[in-house]
Amino acid sequence: MAAPRDELVSLTYLQWQELYEREKPFQIFSQLPPDAEDQRPTNLVFGNAPAEVIKDLREMEANFKLDQNGFMIRQQEMPKTDLMTEQAVRNEYIPPIEELLRREVDGVDYIYCFDWGVRTILLCFRPYLLADYGIEEEERTTPKGSNQCQ
């Protein structure tokens, strides 16, 4: 395992605008109709913050508690599986996550995983991801009908 190290970085944050008191922040990723009254694709304003230290959490995982910090870091053995299908996620990924939550979070009675999905961009890199996990795939191409990787 690599030695923990911190990084000094300047992050970009959304800057508060008085406009947000009158309208919600938005960004439109599709083509606006030519006859739309408001032709702004966004009202977001970003700015770089002063440099700050991002802590490397390796070897400090046990220090973080869900009830105290709002997150926790735990190790979980996961199957080496192609998680590019709904069936694989439901059968191979979610059960170990549920096991982890039951083991690590006190008072868990019911677990429901919602709003998950396979990111389309991952399908573009699928052959490389599979190789990284030691999973062989006969056909190393993009999904049929997909032009999202071009």
Protein backbone atom coordinates (compact mmCIF):
# COMPACT_ATOMS: atom_id res chain seq x y z
CA MET A 1 0.00 0.00 0.00
CA ALA A 2 1.26 3.45 -0.88
CA ALA A 3 2.10 5.82 1.94
CA PRO A 4 -0.69 8.33 2.63
CA ARG A 5 -0.11 11.75 1.20
CA ASP A 6 -2.07 14.96 1.18
CA GLU A 7 -2.56 17.16 -1.88
CA LEU A 8 -2.67 20.93 -2.06
CA VAL A 9 -5.24 21.86 -4.72
CA SER A 10 -7.43 24.73 -5.80
CA LEU A 11 -11.02 23.57 -6.27
CA THR A 12 -13.72 25.21 -8.33
CA TYR A 13 -16.98 26.03 -6.55
CA LEU A 14 -20.31 27.44 -7.55
CA GLN A 15 -20.34 31.11 -6.54
CA TRP A 16 -23.44 32.49 -4.85
CA GLN A 17 -25.35 35.00 -6.97
CA GLU A 18 -28.21 37.23 -5.80
CA LEU A 19 -30.04 35.92 -8.85
CA TYR A 20 -30.44 32.58 -7.02
CA GLU A 21 -32.84 34.27 -4.61
CA ARG A 22 -35.22 34.76 -7.56
CA GLU A 23 -34.49 31.69 -9.67
CA LYS A 24 -32.93 28.30 -9.06
CA PRO A 25 -29.43 27.63 -10.41
CA PHE A 26 -29.69 25.75 -13.70
CA GLN A 27 -27.71 24.40 -16.60
CA ILE A 28 -29.29 23.08 -19.81
CA PHE A 29 -27.35 20.45 -21.72
CA SER A 30 -29.62 20.21 -24.74
CA GLN A 31 -30.25 22.54 -27.66
CA LEU A 32 -32.56 25.40 -26.71
CA PRO A 33 -35.48 25.97 -29.08
CA PRO A 34 -34.78 29.01 -31.27
CA ASP A 35 -38.03 30.62 -30.13
CA ALA A 36 -37.34 30.15 -26.38
CA GLU A 37 -37.78 33.42 -24.55
CA ASP A 38 -34.72 32.82 -22.38
CA GLN A 39 -31.73 31.74 -24.47
CA ARG A 40 -29.35 31.31 -21.54
CA PRO A 41 -27.99 27.76 -21.32
CA THR A 42 -27.02 28.38 -17.68
CA ASN A 43 -27.07 30.86 -14.84
CA LEU A 44 -24.20 29.18 -13.01
CA VAL A 45 -21.09 31.15 -12.07
CA PHE A 46 -18.01 29.27 -10.91
CA GLY A 47 -14.83 30.46 -9.28
CA ASN A 48 -11.56 28.99 -8.08
CA ALA A 49 -11.07 28.88 -4.34
CA PRO A 50 -7.76 29.43 -2.57
CA ALA A 51 -5.60 26.32 -2.38
CA GLU A 52 -6.64 23.85 0.30
CA VAL A 53 -5.36 20.53 1.58
CA ILE A 54 -7.17 17.38 0.50
CA LYS A 55 -6.36 14.72 3.07
CA ASP A 56 -5.41 11.22 2.01
CA LEU A 57 -7.65 9.00 4.13
CA ARG A 58 -5.71 5.80 3.65
CA GLU A 59 -4.82 4.17 6.95
CA MET A 60 -7.36 6.45 8.71
CA GLU A 61 -10.51 4.62 7.55
CA ALA A 62 -11.56 3.54 11.06
CA ASN A 63 -11.59 7.16 12.27
CA PHE A 64 -14.75 7.99 10.31
CA LYS A 65 -18.15 7.06 11.73
CA LEU A 66 -21.43 7.40 9.88
CA ASP A 67 -23.19 9.07 12.82
CA GLN A 68 -20.33 11.49 13.51
CA ASN A 69 -19.00 12.31 10.04
CA GLY A 70 -21.89 11.51 7.71
CA PHE A 71 -19.82 8.84 5.96
CA MET A 72 -17.68 5.83 6.72
CA ILE A 73 -14.96 3.98 4.86
CA ARG A 74 -14.92 0.21 4.93
CA GLN A 75 -13.32 -2.59 2.95
CA GLN A 76 -15.66 -5.03 1.23
CA GLU A 77 -14.68 -8.00 -0.90
CA MET A 78 -16.52 -7.69 -4.18
CA PRO A 79 -16.95 -10.31 -6.88
CA LYS A 80 -14.98 -9.83 -10.06
CA THR A 81 -18.01 -9.45 -12.26
CA ASP A 82 -18.97 -7.53 -15.37
CA LEU A 83 -21.36 -4.96 -13.86
CA MET A 84 -22.59 -3.60 -17.16
CA THR A 85 -26.05 -5.16 -16.98
CA GLU A 86 -28.98 -4.64 -14.62
CA GLN A 87 -29.01 -8.33 -13.75
CA ALA A 88 -25.32 -8.32 -12.81
CA VAL A 89 -25.74 -5.25 -10.60
CA ARG A 90 -28.80 -6.71 -8.86
CA ASN A 91 -27.31 -10.18 -8.39
CA GLU A 92 -23.59 -9.53 -7.91
CA TYR A 93 -23.12 -5.97 -6.65
CA ILE A 94 -26.08 -5.09 -4.44
CA PRO A 95 -26.00 -8.20 -2.17
CA PRO A 96 -22.42 -7.55 -0.90
CA ILE A 97 -23.30 -3.89 -0.35
CA GLU A 98 -26.36 -4.91 1.66
CA GLU A 99 -24.17 -7.31 3.66
CA LEU A 100 -21.71 -4.51 4.39
CA LEU A 101 -24.46 -2.16 5.55
CA ARG A 102 -26.05 -4.81 7.81
CA ARG A 103 -22.64 -5.55 9.34
CA GLU A 104 -21.44 -1.96 9.80
CA VAL A 105 -24.55 0.15 10.49
CA ASP A 106 -26.38 -0.37 13.77
CA GLY A 107 -30.15 -0.85 13.69
CA VAL A 108 -30.54 -1.62 10.00
CA ASP A 109 -33.90 -3.29 9.41
CA TYR A 110 -34.44 -2.68 5.72
CA ILE A 111 -32.17 -1.77 2.82
CA TYR A 112 -33.41 -0.55 -0.54
CA CYS A 113 -30.96 0.47 -3.28
CA PHE A 114 -32.58 3.01 -5.55
CA ASP A 115 -31.71 5.24 -8.47
CA TRP A 116 -28.65 3.33 -9.57
CA GLY A 117 -27.57 2.82 -13.15
CA VAL A 118 -24.66 1.94 -15.37
CA ARG A 119 -23.13 5.09 -16.78
CA THR A 120 -23.13 5.03 -20.54
CA ILE A 121 -19.56 6.34 -20.69
CA LEU A 122 -18.45 3.20 -18.86
CA LEU A 123 -19.68 1.12 -21.77
CA CYS A 124 -17.14 2.89 -23.96
CA PHE A 125 -14.34 1.73 -21.70
CA ARG A 126 -15.87 -1.67 -20.95
CA PRO A 127 -13.10 -3.76 -22.56
CA TYR A 128 -10.45 -1.97 -20.53
CA LEU A 129 -12.44 -2.21 -17.30
CA LEU A 130 -12.99 -5.92 -17.81
CA ALA A 131 -9.30 -6.47 -18.43
CA ASP A 132 -8.42 -4.57 -15.24
CA TYR A 133 -10.60 -6.97 -13.26
CA GLY A 134 -9.29 -10.07 -15.02
CA ILE A 135 -12.55 -10.71 -16.86
CA GLU A 136 -12.16 -11.97 -20.38
CA GLU A 137 -14.50 -10.83 -23.12
CA GLU A 138 -14.50 -12.39 -26.56
CA GLU A 139 -15.69 -9.32 -28.41
CA ARG A 140 -13.94 -6.10 -27.36
CA THR A 141 -16.18 -3.60 -29.11
CA THR A 142 -18.60 -0.90 -28.10
CA PRO A 143 -22.24 -1.87 -27.53
CA LYS A 144 -24.25 -2.49 -30.70
CA GLY A 145 -25.91 0.65 -31.92
CA SER A 146 -23.82 2.85 -29.64
CA ASN A 147 -22.12 5.87 -31.12
CA GLN A 148 -21.47 7.43 -27.72
CA CYS A 149 -17.85 6.29 -27.68
CA GLN A 150 -16.88 8.08 -30.87
